[in-house]
PDB file of N, CA and C in Angstrom:
ATOM      1  N   MET A   1     -74.503  41.613 -75.409  1.00  0.00           N
ATOM      2  CA  MET A   1     -73.876  40.177 -75.669  1.00  0.00           C
ATOM      3  C   MET A   1     -73.831  39.158 -76.727  1.00  0.00           C
ATOM      4  N   LYS A   2     -73.151  38.945 -77.813  1.00  0.00           N
ATOM      5  CA  LYS A   2     -72.815  37.793 -78.122  1.00  0.00           C
ATOM      6  C   LYS A   2     -72.511  36.131 -78.333  1.00  0.00           C
ATOM      7  N   LYS A   3     -73.135  35.278 -77.509  1.00  0.00           N
ATOM      8  CA  LYS A   3     -72.267  34.223 -76.933  1.00  0.00           C
ATOM      9  C   LYS A   3     -72.029  33.603 -78.079  1.00  0.00           C
ATOM     10  N   THR A   4     -70.858  32.745 -77.506  1.00  0.00           N
ATOM     11  CA  THR A   4     -70.374  31.828 -78.507  1.00  0.00           C
ATOM     12  C   THR A   4     -69.524  30.167 -78.339  1.00  0.00           C
ATOM     13  N   SER A   5     -69.818  29.986 -79.087  1.00  0.00           N
ATOM     14  CA  SER A   5     -70.178  28.138 -78.811  1.00  0.00           C
ATOM     15  C   SER A   5     -68.455  27.302 -77.916  1.00  0.00           C
ATOM     16  N   PHE A   6     -67.944  28.647 -77.707  1.00  0.00           N
ATOM     17  CA  PHE A   6     -66.713  27.833 -77.338  1.00  0.00           C
ATOM     18  C   PHE A   6     -66.157  27.128 -75.905  1.00  0.00           C
ATOM     19  N   GLY A   7     -67.510  26.946 -75.305  1.00  0.00           N
ATOM     20  CA  GLY A   7     -67.915  27.078 -74.181  1.00  0.00           C
ATOM     21  C   GLY A   7     -67.516  27.662 -72.543  1.00  0.00           C
ATOM     22  N   ARG A   8     -68.155  27.097 -71.648  1.00  0.00           N
ATOM     23  CA  ARG A   8     -67.385  27.899 -70.439  1.00  0.00           C
ATOM     24  C   ARG A   8     -66.091  28.312 -70.259  1.00  0.00           C
ATOM     25  N   GLY A   9     -65.649  29.275 -69.883  1.00  0.00           N
ATOM     26  CA  GLY A   9     -63.656  29.753 -69.361  1.00  0.00           C
ATOM     27  C   GLY A   9     -63.427  30.528 -70.678  1.00  0.00           C
ATOM     28  N   TYR A  10     -64.058  31.058 -71.898  1.00  0.00           N
ATOM     29  CA  TYR A  10     -63.526  31.095 -72.984  1.00  0.00           C
ATOM     30  C   TYR A  10     -64.168  32.518 -73.163  1.00  0.00           C
ATOM     31  N   ASN A  11     -63.468  33.441 -71.384  1.00  0.00           N
ATOM     32  CA  ASN A  11     -64.636  35.746 -71.707  1.00  0.00           C
ATOM     33  C   ASN A  11     -62.744  36.137 -72.003  1.00  0.00           C
ATOM     34  N   ARG A  12     -62.359  36.752 -73.442  1.00  0.00           N
ATOM     35  CA  ARG A  12     -61.965  37.420 -73.210  1.00  0.00           C
ATOM     36  C   ARG A  12     -61.687  39.046 -72.371  1.00  0.00           C
ATOM     37  N   GLY A  13     -60.621  39.548 -71.875  1.00  0.00           N
ATOM     38  CA  GLY A  13     -60.774  40.169 -70.926  1.00  0.00           C
ATOM     39  C   GLY A  13     -61.677  40.616 -69.410  1.00  0.00           C
ATOM     40  N   GLN A  14     -61.750  38.633 -69.704  1.00  0.00           N
ATOM     41  CA  GLN A  14     -62.989  39.164 -68.265  1.00  0.00           C
ATOM     42  C   GLN A  14     -62.040  38.292 -67.218  1.00  0.00           C
ATOM     43  N   GLY A  15     -61.034  37.442 -66.774  1.00  0.00           N
ATOM     44  CA  GLY A  15     -60.885  37.623 -65.966  1.00  0.00           C
ATOM     45  C   GLY A  15     -59.965  35.675 -66.448  1.00  0.00           C
ATOM     46  N   GLY A  16     -60.474  35.330 -67.641  1.00  0.00           N
ATOM     47  CA  GLY A  16     -59.942  33.628 -68.250  1.00  0.00           C
ATOM     48  C   GLY A  16     -58.328  34.031 -68.087  1.00  0.00           C
ATOM     49  N   PHE A  17     -57.601  33.173 -68.217  1.00  0.00           N
ATOM     50  CA  PHE A  17     -55.895  32.576 -68.549  1.00  0.00           C
ATOM     51  C   PHE A  17     -55.153  33.964 -67.969  1.00  0.00           C
ATOM     52  N   LYS A  18     -55.677  34.364 -66.304  1.00  0.00           N
ATOM     53  CA  LYS A  18     -54.551  34.765 -65.511  1.00  0.00           C
ATOM     54  C   LYS A  18     -53.463  34.110 -65.342  1.00  0.00           C
ATOM     55  N   SER A  19     -52.853  32.948 -66.111  1.00  0.00           N
ATOM     56  CA  SER A  19     -51.822  31.828 -65.645  1.00  0.00           C
ATOM     57  C   SER A  19     -50.407  32.493 -66.267  1.00  0.00           C
ATOM     58  N   PHE A  20     -50.686  34.117 -67.498  1.00  0.00           N
ATOM     59  CA  PHE A  20     -49.338  34.199 -67.731  1.00  0.00           C
ATOM     60  C   PHE A  20     -49.071  35.454 -67.128  1.00  0.00           C
ATOM     61  N   LYS A  21     -49.728  35.974 -66.163  1.00  0.00           N
ATOM     62  CA  LYS A  21     -48.854  37.000 -65.323  1.00  0.00           C
ATOM     63  C   LYS A  21     -48.476  35.860 -64.109  1.00  0.00           C
ATOM     64  N   PRO A  22     -46.740  36.818 -64.515  1.00  0.00           N
ATOM     65  CA  PRO A  22     -45.662  35.817 -63.441  1.00  0.00           C
ATOM     66  C   PRO A  22     -46.508  36.279 -61.758  1.00  0.00           C
ATOM     67  N   LYS A  23     -45.852  35.028 -61.571  1.00  0.00           N
ATOM     68  CA  LYS A  23     -46.206  35.115 -59.768  1.00  0.00           C
ATOM     69  C   LYS A  23     -45.088  35.489 -58.872  1.00  0.00           C
ATOM     70  N   PRO A  24     -45.644  36.270 -57.690  1.00  0.00           N
ATOM     71  CA  PRO A  24     -44.934  36.811 -56.666  1.00  0.00           C
ATOM     72  C   PRO A  24     -43.590  35.754 -55.971  1.00  0.00           C
ATOM     73  N   VAL A  25     -44.047  34.432 -55.960  1.00  0.00           N
ATOM     74  CA  VAL A  25     -43.185  33.932 -55.158  1.00  0.00           C
ATOM     75  C   VAL A  25     -42.581  32.859 -55.998  1.00  0.00           C
ATOM     76  N   GLU A  26     -41.391  32.256 -56.342  1.00  0.00           N
ATOM     77  CA  GLU A  26     -41.324  30.665 -56.510  1.00  0.00           C
ATOM     78  C   GLU A  26     -40.509  29.692 -55.556  1.00  0.00           C
ATOM     79  N   VAL A  27     -40.223  28.325 -56.591  1.00  0.00           N
ATOM     80  CA  VAL A  27     -40.631  27.340 -55.493  1.00  0.00           C
ATOM     81  C   VAL A  27     -38.827  26.781 -55.224  1.00  0.00           C
ATOM     82  N   GLY A  28     -38.681  27.138 -53.947  1.00  0.00           N
ATOM     83  CA  GLY A  28     -37.368  26.787 -53.438  1.00  0.00           C
ATOM     84  C   GLY A  28     -37.109  28.634 -52.883  1.00  0.00           C
ATOM     85  N   LYS A  29     -37.845  29.779 -53.063  1.00  0.00           N
ATOM     86  CA  LYS A  29     -37.119  30.085 -52.118  1.00  0.00           C
ATOM     87  C   LYS A  29     -37.466  30.993 -51.208  1.00  0.00           C
ATOM     88  N   GLU A  30     -37.130  31.373 -50.017  1.00  0.00           N
ATOM     89  CA  GLU A  30     -37.541  31.598 -48.778  1.00  0.00           C
ATOM     90  C   GLU A  30     -38.433  33.289 -48.907  1.00  0.00           C
ATOM     91  N   TYR A  31     -39.423  33.207 -47.931  1.00  0.00           N
ATOM     92  CA  TYR A  31     -39.770  34.639 -46.829  1.00  0.00           C
ATOM     93  C   TYR A  31     -39.939  34.356 -46.107  1.00  0.00           C
ATOM     94  N   ASP A  32     -39.909  35.981 -45.647  1.00  0.00           N
ATOM     95  CA  ASP A  32     -40.475  36.461 -43.915  1.00  0.00           C
ATOM     96  C   ASP A  32     -42.705  37.181 -44.100  1.00  0.00           C
ATOM     97  N   VAL A  33     -43.023  35.600 -43.692  1.00  0.00           N
ATOM     98  CA  VAL A  33     -44.321  36.414 -43.245  1.00  0.00           C
ATOM     99  C   VAL A  33     -45.264  36.286 -42.487  1.00  0.00           C
ATOM    100  N   THR A  34     -46.137  37.093 -42.093  1.00  0.00           N
ATOM    101  CA  THR A  34     -47.166  37.175 -41.283  1.00  0.00           C
ATOM    102  C   THR A  34     -48.347  36.196 -41.330  1.00  0.00           C
ATOM    103  N   ILE A  35     -48.625  34.908 -41.070  1.00  0.00           N
ATOM    104  CA  ILE A  35     -49.371  33.971 -40.666  1.00  0.00           C
ATOM    105  C   ILE A  35     -51.130  34.451 -40.424  1.00  0.00           C
ATOM    106  N   THR A  36     -51.837  35.098 -41.260  1.00  0.00           N
ATOM    107  CA  THR A  36     -53.355  36.167 -41.290  1.00  0.00           C
ATOM    108  C   THR A  36     -54.107  35.151 -40.970  1.00  0.00           C
ATOM    109  N   GLU A  37     -54.472  33.724 -41.249  1.00  0.00           N
ATOM    110  CA  GLU A  37     -55.640  32.971 -41.321  1.00  0.00           C
ATOM    111  C   GLU A  37     -55.294  31.508 -41.172  1.00  0.00           C
ATOM    112  N   VAL A  38     -55.996  30.910 -40.925  1.00  0.00           N
ATOM    113  CA  VAL A  38     -56.295  29.441 -40.564  1.00  0.00           C
ATOM    114  C   VAL A  38     -57.400  28.826 -42.271  1.00  0.00           C
ATOM    115  N   SER A  39     -56.700  28.050 -43.191  1.00  0.00           N
ATOM    116  CA  SER A  39     -57.551  27.179 -43.314  1.00  0.00           C
ATOM    117  C   SER A  39     -58.137  25.734 -43.067  1.00  0.00           C
ATOM    118  N   ARG A  40     -59.458  25.903 -43.926  1.00  0.00           N
ATOM    119  CA  ARG A  40     -60.660  24.562 -43.098  1.00  0.00           C
ATOM    120  C   ARG A  40     -59.713  23.594 -43.144  1.00  0.00           C
ATOM    121  N   ARG A  41     -58.090  23.304 -42.845  1.00  0.00           N
ATOM    122  CA  ARG A  41     -57.553  22.516 -43.483  1.00  0.00           C
ATOM    123  C   ARG A  41     -57.070  22.337 -41.839  1.00  0.00           C
ATOM    124  N   GLY A  42     -56.136  23.357 -41.441  1.00  0.00           N
ATOM    125  CA  GLY A  42     -55.546  23.293 -40.443  1.00  0.00           C
ATOM    126  C   GLY A  42     -54.614  24.509 -40.812  1.00  0.00           C
ATOM    127  N   ASP A  43     -54.246  24.854 -42.208  1.00  0.00           N
ATOM    128  CA  ASP A  43     -52.993  24.786 -42.853  1.00  0.00           C
ATOM    129  C   ASP A  43     -52.620  26.579 -42.462  1.00  0.00           C
ATOM    130  N   GLY A  44     -51.958  27.411 -41.571  1.00  0.00           N
ATOM    131  CA  GLY A  44     -51.502  28.735 -42.073  1.00  0.00           C
ATOM    132  C   GLY A  44     -52.229  29.237 -43.379  1.00  0.00           C
ATOM    133  N   ILE A  45     -52.324  30.763 -43.442  1.00  0.00           N
ATOM    134  CA  ILE A  45     -52.405  31.020 -44.684  1.00  0.00           C
ATOM    135  C   ILE A  45     -52.220  32.157 -44.786  1.00  0.00           C
ATOM    136  N   ALA A  46     -50.542  32.851 -45.107  1.00  0.00           N
ATOM    137  CA  ALA A  46     -50.145  34.002 -45.347  1.00  0.00           C
ATOM    138  C   ALA A  46     -50.709  34.286 -46.848  1.00  0.00           C
ATOM    139  N   LYS A  47     -49.725  35.566 -47.484  1.00  0.00           N
ATOM    140  CA  LYS A  47     -49.862  36.330 -48.354  1.00  0.00           C
ATOM    141  C   LYS A  47     -48.289  37.490 -48.827  1.00  0.00           C
ATOM    142  N   VAL A  48     -48.252  36.637 -50.155  1.00  0.00           N
ATOM    143  CA  VAL A  48     -47.415  37.839 -50.562  1.00  0.00           C
ATOM    144  C   VAL A  48     -47.414  39.137 -51.823  1.00  0.00           C
ATOM    145  N   GLU A  49     -48.451  40.119 -51.628  1.00  0.00           N
ATOM    146  CA  GLU A  49     -48.334  40.669 -52.966  1.00  0.00           C
ATOM    147  C   GLU A  49     -49.691  40.152 -53.123  1.00  0.00           C
ATOM    148  N   GLY A  50     -50.480  39.833 -51.864  1.00  0.00           N
ATOM    149  CA  GLY A  50     -52.395  39.118 -52.193  1.00  0.00           C
ATOM    150  C   GLY A  50     -52.075  37.885 -52.365  1.00  0.00           C
ATOM    151  N   PHE A  51     -50.581  37.101 -52.966  1.00  0.00           N
ATOM    152  CA  PHE A  51     -51.131  35.665 -53.459  1.00  0.00           C
ATOM    153  C   PHE A  51     -51.303  34.921 -52.274  1.00  0.00           C
ATOM    154  N   VAL A  52     -51.953  34.284 -52.266  1.00  0.00           N
ATOM    155  CA  VAL A  52     -52.164  33.508 -51.256  1.00  0.00           C
ATOM    156  C   VAL A  52     -51.222  31.883 -51.342  1.00  0.00           C
ATOM    157  N   ILE A  53     -50.878  31.708 -49.924  1.00  0.00           N
ATOM    158  CA  ILE A  53     -49.441  31.018 -49.358  1.00  0.00           C
ATOM    159  C   ILE A  53     -49.824  29.846 -48.524  1.00  0.00           C
ATOM    160  N   PHE A  54     -50.289  28.448 -48.691  1.00  0.00           N
ATOM    161  CA  PHE A  54     -50.789  27.968 -47.488  1.00  0.00           C
ATOM    162  C   PHE A  54     -49.223  27.531 -46.982  1.00  0.00           C
ATOM    163  N   VAL A  55     -49.617  27.525 -45.309  1.00  0.00           N
ATOM    164  CA  VAL A  55     -48.206  26.653 -44.813  1.00  0.00           C
ATOM    165  C   VAL A  55     -49.195  25.833 -43.626  1.00  0.00           C
ATOM    166  N   ALA A  56     -48.407  24.791 -43.996  1.00  0.00           N
ATOM    167  CA  ALA A  56     -47.999  23.689 -43.053  1.00  0.00           C
ATOM    168  C   ALA A  56     -47.831  23.936 -41.141  1.00  0.00           C
ATOM    169  N   GLY A  57     -48.113  23.044 -40.503  1.00  0.00           N
ATOM    170  CA  GLY A  57     -47.484  23.794 -38.780  1.00  0.00           C
ATOM    171  C   GLY A  57     -47.870  24.885 -38.903  1.00  0.00           C
ATOM    172  N   SER A  58     -48.551  25.966 -39.319  1.00  0.00           N
ATOM    173  CA  SER A  58     -48.044  27.489 -38.840  1.00  0.00           C
ATOM    174  C   SER A  58     -49.651  27.369 -38.093  1.00  0.00           C
ATOM    175  N   LYS A  59     -49.179  28.728 -37.277  1.00  0.00           N
ATOM    176  CA  LYS A  59     -50.560  29.376 -36.291  1.00  0.00           C
ATOM    177  C   LYS A  59     -51.125  30.908 -36.775  1.00  0.00           C
ATOM    178  N   GLN A  60     -52.254  30.774 -36.291  1.00  0.00           N
ATOM    179  CA  GLN A  60     -52.828  32.187 -37.040  1.00  0.00           C
ATOM    180  C   GLN A  60     -51.756  33.659 -36.053  1.00  0.00           C
ATOM    181  N   GLY A  61     -51.242  34.936 -36.835  1.00  0.00           N
ATOM    182  CA  GLY A  61     -50.757  35.772 -36.080  1.00  0.00           C
ATOM    183  C   GLY A  61     -48.775  35.190 -36.065  1.00  0.00           C
ATOM    184  N   GLN A  62     -48.487  34.257 -36.397  1.00  0.00           N
ATOM    185  CA  GLN A  62     -47.124  33.579 -36.401  1.00  0.00           C
ATOM    186  C   GLN A  62     -46.483  34.625 -37.213  1.00  0.00           C
ATOM    187  N   GLN A  63     -45.304  35.441 -36.684  1.00  0.00           N
ATOM    188  CA  GLN A  63     -44.249  35.807 -38.116  1.00  0.00           C
ATOM    189  C   GLN A  63     -43.206  34.863 -38.262  1.00  0.00           C
ATOM    190  N   ALA A  64     -43.213  34.411 -39.527  1.00  0.00           N
ATOM    191  CA  ALA A  64     -42.325  32.629 -40.176  1.00  0.00           C
ATOM    192  C   ALA A  64     -42.023  33.327 -40.913  1.00  0.00           C
ATOM    193  N   ARG A  65     -40.122  32.205 -41.078  1.00  0.00           N
ATOM    194  CA  ARG A  65     -40.171  32.137 -42.737  1.00  0.00           C
ATOM    195  C   ARG A  65     -39.791  30.667 -42.407  1.00  0.00           C
ATOM    196  N   ILE A  66     -40.793  31.310 -44.391  1.00  0.00           N
ATOM    197  CA  ILE A  66     -41.572  30.414 -45.059  1.00  0.00           C
ATOM    198  C   ILE A  66     -40.784  29.758 -46.166  1.00  0.00           C
ATOM    199  N   LYS A  67     -40.519  28.336 -47.063  1.00  0.00           N
ATOM    200  CA  LYS A  67     -39.838  28.142 -47.998  1.00  0.00           C
ATOM    201  C   LYS A  67     -40.884  27.495 -48.934  1.00  0.00           C
ATOM    202  N   ILE A  68     -41.215  28.548 -50.383  1.00  0.00           N
ATOM    203  CA  ILE A  68     -42.067  27.828 -51.188  1.00  0.00           C
ATOM    204  C   ILE A  68     -41.885  26.195 -51.600  1.00  0.00           C
ATOM    205  N   THR A  69     -42.301  25.586 -51.720  1.00  0.00           N
ATOM    206  CA  THR A  69     -42.216  23.878 -51.818  1.00  0.00           C
ATOM    207  C   THR A  69     -42.953  23.873 -53.790  1.00  0.00           C
ATOM    208  N   GLN A  70     -44.717  24.413 -53.347  1.00  0.00           N
ATOM    209  CA  GLN A  70     -44.772  23.979 -55.183  1.00  0.00           C
ATOM    210  C   GLN A  70     -46.171  25.440 -55.371  1.00  0.00           C
ATOM    211  N   VAL A  71     -46.242  25.493 -56.192  1.00  0.00           N
ATOM    212  CA  VAL A  71     -46.498  27.101 -56.804  1.00  0.00           C
ATOM    213  C   VAL A  71     -47.585  26.766 -57.975  1.00  0.00           C
ATOM    214  N   SER A  72     -49.136  26.759 -58.066  1.00  0.00           N
ATOM    215  CA  SER A  72     -50.327  27.259 -58.553  1.00  0.00           C
ATOM    216  C   SER A  72     -50.538  27.977 -59.335  1.00  0.00           C
ATOM    217  N   ASN A  73     -51.522  28.169 -60.182  1.00  0.00           N
ATOM    218  CA  ASN A  73     -51.779  29.157 -60.880  1.00  0.00           C
ATOM    219  C   ASN A  73     -52.939  30.271 -59.656  1.00  0.00           C
ATOM    220  N   ARG A  74     -53.346  29.681 -58.871  1.00  0.00           N
ATOM    221  CA  ARG A  74     -54.396  30.549 -58.241  1.00  0.00           C
ATOM    222  C   ARG A  74     -53.360  30.547 -56.993  1.00  0.00           C
ATOM    223  N   PHE A  75     -52.351  29.587 -55.390  1.00  0.00           N
ATOM    224  CA  PHE A  75     -51.758  29.815 -54.365  1.00  0.00           C
ATOM    225  C   PHE A  75     -51.021  29.170 -54.399  1.00  0.00           C
ATOM    226  N   ALA A  76     -50.726  28.950 -53.565  1.00  0.00           N
ATOM    227  CA  ALA A  76     -49.204  28.146 -53.425  1.00  0.00           C
ATOM    228  C   ALA A  76     -48.634  27.454 -51.532  1.00  0.00           C
ATOM    229  N   THR A  77     -47.791  26.852 -52.019  1.00  0.00           N
ATOM    230  CA  THR A  77     -47.501  26.004 -50.293  1.00  0.00           C
ATOM    231  C   THR A  77     -46.028  25.698 -49.471  1.00  0.00           C
ATOM    232  N   ALA A  78     -46.123  26.362 -48.980  1.00  0.00           N
ATOM    233  CA  ALA A  78     -44.505  26.643 -48.382  1.00  0.00           C
ATOM    234  C   ALA A  78     -44.295  25.194 -46.484  1.00  0.00           C
ATOM    235  N   THR A  79     -43.491  25.486 -46.631  1.00  0.00           N
ATOM    236  CA  THR A  79     -43.229  24.724 -45.246  1.00  0.00           C
ATOM    237  C   THR A  79     -42.235  25.822 -44.234  1.00  0.00           C
ATOM    238  N   LEU A  80     -42.633  25.061 -42.730  1.00  0.00           N
ATOM    239  CA  LEU A  80     -41.947  26.693 -42.042  1.00  0.00           C
ATOM    240  C   LEU A  80     -40.584  25.939 -41.930  1.00  0.00           C
ATOM    241  N   VAL A  81     -39.382  27.350 -42.023  1.00  0.00           N
ATOM    242  CA  VAL A  81     -37.642  27.425 -42.061  1.00  0.00           C
ATOM    243  C   VAL A  81     -37.628  28.135 -40.609  1.00  0.00           C
ATOM    244  N   GLU A  82     -37.819  29.100 -40.455  1.00  0.00           N
ATOM    245  CA  GLU A  82     -38.080  29.226 -39.074  1.00  0.00           C
ATOM    246  C   GLU A  82     -39.162  30.141 -38.569  1.00  0.00           C
ATOM    247  N   PRO A  83     -39.892  29.791 -37.799  1.00  0.00           N
ATOM    248  CA  PRO A  83     -40.875  30.132 -36.927  1.00  0.00           C
ATOM    249  C   PRO A  83     -39.960  31.473 -35.985  1.00  0.00           C
ATOM    250  N   SER A  84     -40.799  32.091 -35.724  1.00  0.00           N
ATOM    251  CA  SER A  84     -40.186  33.369 -35.106  1.00  0.00           C
ATOM    252  C   SER A  84     -40.318  32.421 -33.734  1.00  0.00           C
ATOM    253  N   GLN A  85     -39.607  33.385 -32.792  1.00  0.00           N
ATOM    254  CA  GLN A  85     -39.322  33.089 -31.283  1.00  0.00           C
ATOM    255  C   GLN A  85     -39.562  34.641 -30.295  1.00  0.00           C
ATOM    256  N   SER A  86     -40.484  34.667 -29.671  1.00  0.00           N
ATOM    257  CA  SER A  86     -41.070  36.021 -29.038  1.00  0.00           C
ATOM    258  C   SER A  86     -39.325  35.803 -27.808  1.00  0.00           C
ATOM    259  N   THR A  87     -39.325  34.753 -27.169  1.00  0.00           N
ATOM    260  CA  THR A  87     -37.382  35.068 -26.392  1.00  0.00           C
ATOM    261  C   THR A  87     -36.544  35.335 -27.514  1.00  0.00           C
ATOM    262  N   GLU A  88     -36.696  35.098 -28.345  1.00  0.00           N
ATOM    263  CA  GLU A  88     -35.297  35.341 -28.972  1.00  0.00           C
ATOM    264  C   GLU A  88     -35.111  36.460 -29.900  1.00  0.00           C
ATOM    265  N   THR A  89     -34.137  37.122 -29.997  1.00  0.00           N
ATOM    266  CA  THR A  89     -33.674  37.953 -30.475  1.00  0.00           C
ATOM    267  C   THR A  89     -32.226  37.977 -31.654  1.00  0.00           C
ATOM    268  N   LYS A  90     -32.504  38.345 -33.316  1.00  0.00           N
ATOM    269  CA  LYS A  90     -31.143  38.235 -33.943  1.00  0.00           C
ATOM    270  C   LYS A  90     -30.853  39.478 -33.932  1.00  0.00           C
ATOM    271  N   GLU A  91     -29.416  39.343 -34.107  1.00  0.00           N
ATOM    272  CA  GLU A  91     -28.817  40.549 -34.773  1.00  0.00           C
ATOM    273  C   GLU A  91     -28.083  40.540 -35.262  1.00  0.00           C
TER     274      GLU A  91
END
């Protein structure tokens, strides 16, 4: 493969510049998710279509409704809107 003088990050067709793909979540919208993991900082981690979302104040295994507060190229952050309650049923 021929090397170029463009520096790091400039590899056509090899994963750079993925920011053009639309994100599966949007700021201000709400989503029903399951918290599957906990980050090193203690935030819950959920995924929507494989896109990582950090949810402050959530616990692993929790079902919750979240509201997206920020979206970056690689992840989003969200707040809990409605943590699910095992004793409460909605109809």
